[in-house]
Amino acid sequence: MNDYRFINIDQEPTEEQLAQLMREVAAEAKERHDRAHAAYFAHIRQMAQAL
């Protein structure tokens, strides 16, 4: 994602750059989802144990 900067309005990113950017964004989104999912269910288990 750091290879291409969207500051040059005169030059379009290549298809390869866009594909790489999308792969990196998707991987980051999945990591965040996985962490949030795990934290949510850990919280649910903790609440259930408190009952």
Protein backbone atom coordinates (compact mmCIF):
# COMPACT_ATOMS: atom_id res chain seq x y z
CA MET A 1 0.00 0.00 0.00
CA ASN A 2 2.97 2.29 0.53
CA ASP A 3 4.27 1.79 -3.01
CA TYR A 4 1.75 4.13 -4.60
CA ARG A 5 0.67 7.50 -3.33
CA PHE A 6 -2.55 9.03 -4.59
CA ILE A 7 -1.07 12.51 -4.71
CA ASN A 8 -0.20 12.68 -8.40
CA ILE A 9 -3.48 13.50 -10.14
CA ASP A 10 -1.78 13.42 -13.55
CA GLN A 11 -0.87 9.73 -13.33
CA GLU A 12 -3.36 6.92 -12.85
CA PRO A 13 -2.30 3.90 -10.80
CA THR A 14 -1.63 0.73 -12.76
CA GLU A 15 -3.93 -2.26 -12.57
CA GLU A 16 -1.22 -4.09 -10.62
CA GLN A 17 -0.97 -1.25 -8.10
CA LEU A 18 -4.74 -1.16 -7.65
CA ALA A 19 -4.88 -4.95 -7.27
CA GLN A 20 -2.10 -4.88 -4.66
CA LEU A 21 -3.81 -2.06 -2.79
CA MET A 22 -7.09 -3.97 -2.74
CA ARG A 23 -5.36 -7.15 -1.50
CA GLU A 24 -3.69 -5.22 1.33
CA VAL A 25 -6.89 -3.43 2.32
CA ALA A 26 -8.82 -6.71 2.28
CA ALA A 27 -6.18 -8.40 4.45
CA GLU A 28 -6.26 -5.55 6.94
CA ALA A 29 -10.06 -5.59 7.05
CA LYS A 30 -10.04 -9.34 7.68
CA GLU A 31 -7.52 -8.97 10.50
CA ARG A 32 -9.62 -6.26 12.14
CA HIS A 33 -12.76 -8.34 11.74
CA ASP A 34 -11.09 -11.40 13.24
CA ARG A 35 -9.84 -9.39 16.25
CA ALA A 36 -13.24 -7.77 16.80
CA HIS A 37 -15.01 -11.14 16.44
CA ALA A 38 -12.68 -12.77 18.97
CA ALA A 39 -13.03 -9.87 21.41
CA TYR A 40 -16.82 -9.91 21.11
CA PHE A 41 -17.12 -13.60 21.88
CA ALA A 42 -14.56 -13.37 24.67
CA HIS A 43 -16.74 -10.66 26.20
CA ILE A 44 -19.86 -12.81 25.78
CA ARG A 45 -18.12 -15.78 27.46
CA GLN A 46 -16.98 -13.52 30.30
CA MET A 47 -20.51 -12.22 30.81
CA ALA A 48 -21.92 -15.78 30.76
CA GLN A 49 -19.44 -16.89 33.41
CA ALA A 50 -20.46 -13.99 35.63
CA LEU A 51 -24.03 -15.29 35.72
